[in-house]
Amino acid sequence: QVQLVESGGGLVQAGGSLRLSCAAPGRTFSSYAMGWFRQAPGKEREFVSVSWSGGITYYAESVKGRFTISRDNAKNTVYLQMNSLKPEDTAVYYCAAARVLTVRTAVAAEGYDYWGQGTQVTVSS
């Protein structure tokens, strides 16, 4: 079992920035694909970004150019730098890990094996 712990959420004004972190304490996850999803009230969980172990990244169109995913395998941590935040970015953000992930399955929650508990991001207008 892989435990994922997110942190870094909070309240920020539109146009501001936040950096989310997702740690996997005591677990080497360098070979895993790591993704971020988000879920707003009353909406389905949606894909945000993914980082494969080889360094390839992919983003949802809604966040491309504003969000950056990165990973520090030595610290077993993946980050999501969020800039130019908009009120529509308000959601609970979840980190997820997958042992095997294709481009097709990367955008679907079902493609991931492990999930964190989520961290709230609220963007005020």
N, C-alpha and C. Protein backbone atom coordinates (compact mmCIF):
# COMPACT_ATOMS: atom_id res chain seq x y z
N GLN A 1 0.85 -1.18 0.00
CA GLN A 1 0.00 0.00 0.00
C GLN A 1 0.89 1.24 0.00
N VAL A 2 0.55 2.19 -0.85
CA VAL A 2 1.30 3.43 -0.94
C VAL A 2 0.46 4.54 -0.30
N GLN A 3 1.02 5.21 0.67
CA GLN A 3 0.34 6.32 1.32
C GLN A 3 0.81 7.61 0.68
N LEU A 4 -0.14 8.42 0.25
CA LEU A 4 0.17 9.72 -0.35
C LEU A 4 -0.41 10.81 0.54
N VAL A 5 0.39 11.83 0.80
CA VAL A 5 -0.03 12.91 1.69
C VAL A 5 0.14 14.24 0.98
N GLU A 6 -0.97 14.91 0.72
CA GLU A 6 -0.93 16.21 0.06
C GLU A 6 -0.84 17.34 1.09
N SER A 7 -0.28 18.44 0.66
CA SER A 7 -0.23 19.64 1.48
C SER A 7 -0.08 20.84 0.57
N GLY A 8 -0.28 22.02 1.15
CA GLY A 8 -0.06 23.25 0.39
C GLY A 8 -1.31 23.97 -0.07
N GLY A 9 -2.47 23.38 0.16
CA GLY A 9 -3.70 24.05 -0.23
C GLY A 9 -3.97 25.25 0.66
N GLY A 10 -4.97 26.04 0.26
CA GLY A 10 -5.33 27.20 1.05
C GLY A 10 -6.22 28.14 0.28
N LEU A 11 -6.34 29.33 0.83
CA LEU A 11 -7.16 30.38 0.22
C LEU A 11 -6.24 31.41 -0.43
N VAL A 12 -6.53 31.75 -1.67
CA VAL A 12 -5.70 32.70 -2.40
C VAL A 12 -6.61 33.55 -3.29
N GLN A 13 -6.20 34.77 -3.54
CA GLN A 13 -6.96 35.63 -4.43
C GLN A 13 -6.70 35.27 -5.89
N ALA A 14 -7.64 35.58 -6.73
CA ALA A 14 -7.47 35.35 -8.16
C ALA A 14 -6.19 36.02 -8.64
N GLY A 15 -5.45 35.31 -9.47
CA GLY A 15 -4.17 35.81 -9.95
C GLY A 15 -2.99 35.37 -9.11
N GLY A 16 -3.28 34.82 -7.96
CA GLY A 16 -2.22 34.39 -7.06
C GLY A 16 -1.68 33.01 -7.40
N SER A 17 -0.81 32.53 -6.53
CA SER A 17 -0.13 31.25 -6.74
C SER A 17 -0.16 30.39 -5.49
N LEU A 18 -0.12 29.11 -5.72
CA LEU A 18 0.04 28.12 -4.64
C LEU A 18 0.89 26.99 -5.18
N ARG A 19 1.58 26.32 -4.28
CA ARG A 19 2.30 25.12 -4.65
C ARG A 19 1.83 23.97 -3.78
N LEU A 20 1.31 22.96 -4.43
CA LEU A 20 0.88 21.76 -3.73
C LEU A 20 2.02 20.74 -3.72
N SER A 21 2.07 19.99 -2.64
CA SER A 21 3.06 18.93 -2.52
C SER A 21 2.34 17.62 -2.24
N CYS A 22 2.94 16.56 -2.72
CA CYS A 22 2.41 15.21 -2.46
C CYS A 22 3.60 14.33 -2.11
N ALA A 23 3.60 13.84 -0.89
CA ALA A 23 4.71 13.03 -0.42
C ALA A 23 4.28 11.59 -0.23
N ALA A 24 5.21 10.70 -0.45
CA ALA A 24 4.98 9.27 -0.23
C ALA A 24 6.01 8.80 0.79
N PRO A 25 5.72 9.03 2.07
CA PRO A 25 6.70 8.73 3.11
C PRO A 25 7.13 7.28 3.13
N GLY A 26 8.43 7.08 3.16
CA GLY A 26 8.93 5.73 3.30
C GLY A 26 8.74 4.86 2.08
N ARG A 27 8.43 5.46 0.96
CA ARG A 27 8.15 4.68 -0.24
C ARG A 27 8.89 5.28 -1.41
N THR A 28 9.55 4.45 -2.18
CA THR A 28 10.22 4.91 -3.39
C THR A 28 9.22 4.88 -4.53
N PHE A 29 8.93 6.03 -5.06
CA PHE A 29 7.91 6.07 -6.10
C PHE A 29 8.49 6.56 -7.43
N SER A 30 9.81 6.50 -7.57
CA SER A 30 10.44 7.02 -8.78
C SER A 30 9.96 6.32 -10.04
N SER A 31 9.50 5.09 -9.93
CA SER A 31 9.04 4.36 -11.11
C SER A 31 7.55 4.56 -11.38
N TYR A 32 6.86 5.24 -10.48
CA TYR A 32 5.42 5.45 -10.64
C TYR A 32 5.15 6.69 -11.48
N ALA A 33 4.05 6.65 -12.21
CA ALA A 33 3.49 7.87 -12.78
C ALA A 33 2.70 8.56 -11.68
N MET A 34 2.84 9.87 -11.59
CA MET A 34 2.18 10.64 -10.54
C MET A 34 1.26 11.67 -11.18
N GLY A 35 0.05 11.70 -10.70
CA GLY A 35 -0.93 12.61 -11.29
C GLY A 35 -1.60 13.49 -10.26
N TRP A 36 -2.20 14.56 -10.75
CA TRP A 36 -3.04 15.43 -9.93
C TRP A 36 -4.42 15.50 -10.56
N PHE A 37 -5.41 15.38 -9.72
CA PHE A 37 -6.80 15.54 -10.12
C PHE A 37 -7.43 16.58 -9.19
N ARG A 38 -8.61 17.04 -9.56
CA ARG A 38 -9.33 17.96 -8.68
C ARG A 38 -10.83 17.69 -8.79
N GLN A 39 -11.52 18.06 -7.73
CA GLN A 39 -12.96 17.86 -7.70
C GLN A 39 -13.62 19.05 -7.03
N ALA A 40 -14.44 19.74 -7.79
CA ALA A 40 -15.19 20.87 -7.27
C ALA A 40 -16.54 20.36 -6.76
N PRO A 41 -17.19 21.10 -5.87
CA PRO A 41 -18.48 20.67 -5.35
C PRO A 41 -19.50 20.42 -6.45
N GLY A 42 -20.13 19.26 -6.40
CA GLY A 42 -21.15 18.93 -7.37
C GLY A 42 -20.63 18.50 -8.72
N LYS A 43 -19.31 18.38 -8.85
CA LYS A 43 -18.74 17.98 -10.14
C LYS A 43 -17.93 16.71 -9.99
N GLU A 44 -17.67 16.08 -11.12
CA GLU A 44 -16.86 14.87 -11.10
C GLU A 44 -15.38 15.22 -10.95
N ARG A 45 -14.64 14.24 -10.46
CA ARG A 45 -13.19 14.43 -10.35
C ARG A 45 -12.61 14.56 -11.76
N GLU A 46 -11.76 15.56 -11.95
CA GLU A 46 -11.20 15.79 -13.27
C GLU A 46 -9.68 15.80 -13.24
N PHE A 47 -9.12 15.37 -14.35
CA PHE A 47 -7.68 15.32 -14.52
C PHE A 47 -7.09 16.71 -14.59
N VAL A 48 -5.93 16.88 -13.96
CA VAL A 48 -5.21 18.16 -14.02
C VAL A 48 -3.86 17.98 -14.72
N SER A 49 -3.06 17.04 -14.23
CA SER A 49 -1.71 16.90 -14.78
C SER A 49 -1.15 15.54 -14.40
N VAL A 50 -0.14 15.10 -15.14
CA VAL A 50 0.54 13.84 -14.84
C VAL A 50 2.01 13.97 -15.19
N SER A 51 2.81 13.26 -14.41
CA SER A 51 4.25 13.19 -14.67
C SER A 51 4.65 11.72 -14.68
N TRP A 52 5.19 11.28 -15.81
CA TRP A 52 5.69 9.92 -15.87
C TRP A 52 7.11 9.87 -15.30
N SER A 53 7.54 8.71 -14.94
CA SER A 53 8.84 8.57 -14.29
C SER A 53 9.98 9.03 -15.18
N GLY A 54 9.81 8.97 -16.48
CA GLY A 54 10.84 9.40 -17.40
C GLY A 54 10.91 10.90 -17.60
N GLY A 55 9.99 11.63 -16.99
CA GLY A 55 10.01 13.08 -17.07
C GLY A 55 8.98 13.69 -17.99
N ILE A 56 8.28 12.86 -18.74
CA ILE A 56 7.25 13.38 -19.62
C ILE A 56 6.07 13.86 -18.77
N THR A 57 5.51 15.00 -19.16
CA THR A 57 4.37 15.57 -18.44
C THR A 57 3.24 15.86 -19.42
N TYR A 58 2.06 15.97 -18.86
CA TYR A 58 0.87 16.24 -19.67
C TYR A 58 -0.11 17.01 -18.81
N TYR A 59 -0.81 17.97 -19.44
CA TYR A 59 -1.71 18.84 -18.70
C TYR A 59 -3.09 18.90 -19.34
N ALA A 60 -4.08 19.14 -18.51
CA ALA A 60 -5.40 19.46 -19.01
C ALA A 60 -5.33 20.83 -19.69
N GLU A 61 -6.14 21.02 -20.70
CA GLU A 61 -6.12 22.29 -21.43
C GLU A 61 -6.45 23.47 -20.52
N SER A 62 -7.29 23.23 -19.54
CA SER A 62 -7.73 24.31 -18.66
C SER A 62 -6.62 24.87 -17.78
N VAL A 63 -5.53 24.12 -17.62
CA VAL A 63 -4.45 24.57 -16.73
C VAL A 63 -3.13 24.74 -17.47
N LYS A 64 -3.10 24.37 -18.72
CA LYS A 64 -1.86 24.44 -19.49
C LYS A 64 -1.36 25.88 -19.54
N GLY A 65 -0.07 26.03 -19.26
CA GLY A 65 0.53 27.36 -19.24
C GLY A 65 0.45 28.05 -17.90
N ARG A 66 -0.37 27.53 -17.01
CA ARG A 66 -0.50 28.13 -15.68
C ARG A 66 0.02 27.20 -14.57
N PHE A 67 -0.15 25.91 -14.76
CA PHE A 67 0.28 24.93 -13.76
C PHE A 67 1.51 24.19 -14.25
N THR A 68 2.37 23.81 -13.32
CA THR A 68 3.55 23.03 -13.64
C THR A 68 3.70 21.89 -12.65
N ILE A 69 3.80 20.69 -13.17
CA ILE A 69 4.04 19.52 -12.32
C ILE A 69 5.52 19.21 -12.33
N SER A 70 6.04 18.84 -11.18
CA SER A 70 7.45 18.46 -11.09
C SER A 70 7.57 17.40 -10.00
N ARG A 71 8.70 16.74 -9.98
CA ARG A 71 8.89 15.69 -8.99
C ARG A 71 10.33 15.68 -8.52
N ASP A 72 10.50 15.34 -7.25
CA ASP A 72 11.82 15.16 -6.65
C ASP A 72 11.85 13.73 -6.15
N ASN A 73 12.41 12.85 -6.95
CA ASN A 73 12.40 11.44 -6.59
C ASN A 73 13.22 11.16 -5.33
N ALA A 74 14.24 11.95 -5.09
CA ALA A 74 15.05 11.76 -3.89
C ALA A 74 14.23 12.01 -2.63
N LYS A 75 13.24 12.90 -2.75
CA LYS A 75 12.39 13.22 -1.60
C LYS A 75 11.04 12.50 -1.68
N ASN A 76 10.87 11.68 -2.71
CA ASN A 76 9.58 10.98 -2.89
C ASN A 76 8.42 11.97 -2.87
N THR A 77 8.59 13.06 -3.57
CA THR A 77 7.60 14.13 -3.54
C THR A 77 7.32 14.63 -4.96
N VAL A 78 6.05 14.88 -5.23
CA VAL A 78 5.65 15.50 -6.49
C VAL A 78 4.97 16.83 -6.15
N TYR A 79 5.16 17.81 -7.01
CA TYR A 79 4.65 19.16 -6.76
C TYR A 79 3.71 19.59 -7.88
N LEU A 80 2.84 20.50 -7.54
CA LEU A 80 2.02 21.16 -8.54
C LEU A 80 2.08 22.66 -8.26
N GLN A 81 2.84 23.36 -9.09
CA GLN A 81 2.92 24.81 -8.98
C GLN A 81 1.76 25.41 -9.76
N MET A 82 0.95 26.18 -9.08
CA MET A 82 -0.25 26.75 -9.70
C MET A 82 -0.13 28.27 -9.70
N ASN A 83 -0.05 28.84 -10.88
CA ASN A 83 0.05 30.29 -11.04
C ASN A 83 -1.19 30.83 -11.74
N SER A 84 -1.35 32.12 -11.65
CA SER A 84 -2.49 32.79 -12.31
C SER A 84 -3.80 32.09 -11.98
N LEU A 85 -4.00 31.82 -10.72
CA LEU A 85 -5.17 31.05 -10.31
C LEU A 85 -6.47 31.81 -10.57
N LYS A 86 -7.49 31.05 -10.90
CA LYS A 86 -8.81 31.59 -11.21
C LYS A 86 -9.83 31.01 -10.24
N PRO A 87 -10.94 31.70 -10.03
CA PRO A 87 -11.97 31.13 -9.15
C PRO A 87 -12.42 29.74 -9.57
N GLU A 88 -12.42 29.47 -10.86
CA GLU A 88 -12.83 28.15 -11.33
C GLU A 88 -11.82 27.05 -11.02
N ASP A 89 -10.66 27.42 -10.50
CA ASP A 89 -9.70 26.42 -10.04
C ASP A 89 -10.02 25.92 -8.63
N THR A 90 -11.00 26.53 -8.00
CA THR A 90 -11.39 26.11 -6.66
C THR A 90 -11.87 24.67 -6.66
N ALA A 91 -11.26 23.85 -5.82
CA ALA A 91 -11.58 22.42 -5.76
C ALA A 91 -10.74 21.77 -4.68
N VAL A 92 -11.07 20.52 -4.41
CA VAL A 92 -10.17 19.68 -3.62
C VAL A 92 -9.22 19.02 -4.62
N TYR A 93 -7.95 19.15 -4.36
CA TYR A 93 -6.92 18.61 -5.25
C TYR A 93 -6.38 17.32 -4.66
N TYR A 94 -6.32 16.30 -5.52
CA TYR A 94 -5.87 14.98 -5.11
C TYR A 94 -4.62 14.57 -5.89
N CYS A 95 -3.74 13.95 -5.18
CA CYS A 95 -2.56 13.36 -5.78
C CYS A 95 -2.83 11.86 -5.96
N ALA A 96 -2.28 11.29 -7.03
CA ALA A 96 -2.49 9.87 -7.30
C ALA A 96 -1.23 9.26 -7.90
N ALA A 97 -1.09 7.96 -7.70
CA ALA A 97 0.08 7.24 -8.21
C ALA A 97 -0.38 6.03 -9.00
N ALA A 98 0.36 5.75 -10.06
CA ALA A 98 0.03 4.60 -10.90
C ALA A 98 1.30 3.85 -11.24
N ARG A 99 1.23 2.53 -11.16
CA ARG A 99 2.40 1.72 -11.51
C ARG A 99 2.57 1.67 -13.02
N VAL A 100 1.49 1.56 -13.71
CA VAL A 100 1.52 1.51 -15.16
C VAL A 100 0.46 2.47 -15.69
N LEU A 101 0.85 3.35 -16.58
CA LEU A 101 -0.08 4.36 -17.06
C LEU A 101 0.20 4.67 -18.52
N THR A 102 -0.84 4.64 -19.32
CA THR A 102 -0.69 5.03 -20.71
C THR A 102 -1.23 6.44 -20.90
N VAL A 103 -1.04 6.99 -22.05
CA VAL A 103 -1.57 8.32 -22.33
C VAL A 103 -3.09 8.29 -22.23
N ARG A 104 -3.69 7.20 -22.69
CA ARG A 104 -5.14 7.11 -22.67
C ARG A 104 -5.68 7.01 -21.25
N THR A 105 -5.01 6.27 -20.40
CA THR A 105 -5.52 6.07 -19.03
C THR A 105 -5.08 7.16 -18.07
N ALA A 106 -4.13 7.99 -18.49
CA ALA A 106 -3.60 9.01 -17.58
C ALA A 106 -4.65 10.03 -17.17
N VAL A 107 -5.63 10.27 -18.02
CA VAL A 107 -6.62 11.31 -17.73
C VAL A 107 -7.83 10.76 -17.00
N ALA A 108 -7.83 9.49 -16.71
CA ALA A 108 -8.97 8.86 -16.03
C ALA A 108 -8.58 8.44 -14.62
N ALA A 109 -9.43 8.74 -13.68
CA ALA A 109 -9.13 8.38 -12.30
C ALA A 109 -8.94 6.87 -12.13
N GLU A 110 -9.63 6.10 -12.95
CA GLU A 110 -9.55 4.64 -12.85
C GLU A 110 -8.16 4.11 -13.19
N GLY A 111 -7.35 4.93 -13.83
CA GLY A 111 -6.02 4.49 -14.21
C GLY A 111 -5.00 4.47 -13.08
N TYR A 112 -5.39 5.01 -11.94
CA TYR A 112 -4.45 5.17 -10.84
C TYR A 112 -4.71 4.17 -9.72
N ASP A 113 -3.64 3.78 -9.06
CA ASP A 113 -3.73 2.74 -8.04
C ASP A 113 -3.87 3.29 -6.62
N TYR A 114 -3.29 4.45 -6.37
CA TYR A 114 -3.26 4.99 -5.01
C TYR A 114 -3.62 6.46 -5.04
N TRP A 115 -4.27 6.89 -3.96
CA TRP A 115 -4.75 8.26 -3.86
C TRP A 115 -4.43 8.87 -2.50
N GLY A 116 -4.22 10.18 -2.50
CA GLY A 116 -4.11 10.91 -1.25
C GLY A 116 -5.48 11.33 -0.76
N GLN A 117 -5.49 12.03 0.36
CA GLN A 117 -6.74 12.40 1.00
C GLN A 117 -7.29 13.71 0.46
N GLY A 118 -6.49 14.46 -0.27
CA GLY A 118 -6.94 15.70 -0.88
C GLY A 118 -6.59 16.92 -0.05
N THR A 119 -6.43 18.04 -0.74
CA THR A 119 -6.17 19.31 -0.08
C THR A 119 -7.02 20.38 -0.77
N GLN A 120 -7.65 21.23 0.04
CA GLN A 120 -8.58 22.22 -0.49
C GLN A 120 -7.84 23.43 -1.04
N VAL A 121 -8.22 23.83 -2.23
CA VAL A 121 -7.73 25.07 -2.84
C VAL A 121 -8.94 25.96 -3.11
N THR A 122 -8.93 27.15 -2.57
CA THR A 122 -10.02 28.09 -2.77
C THR A 122 -9.46 29.38 -3.35
N VAL A 123 -10.00 29.79 -4.48
CA VAL A 123 -9.55 31.00 -5.15
C VAL A 123 -10.69 32.01 -5.11
N SER A 124 -10.45 33.12 -4.47
CA SER A 124 -11.49 34.15 -4.35
C SER A 124 -11.36 35.16 -5.48
N SER A 125 -12.49 35.69 -5.88
CA SER A 125 -12.50 36.65 -6.99
C SER A 125 -12.30 38.07 -6.50
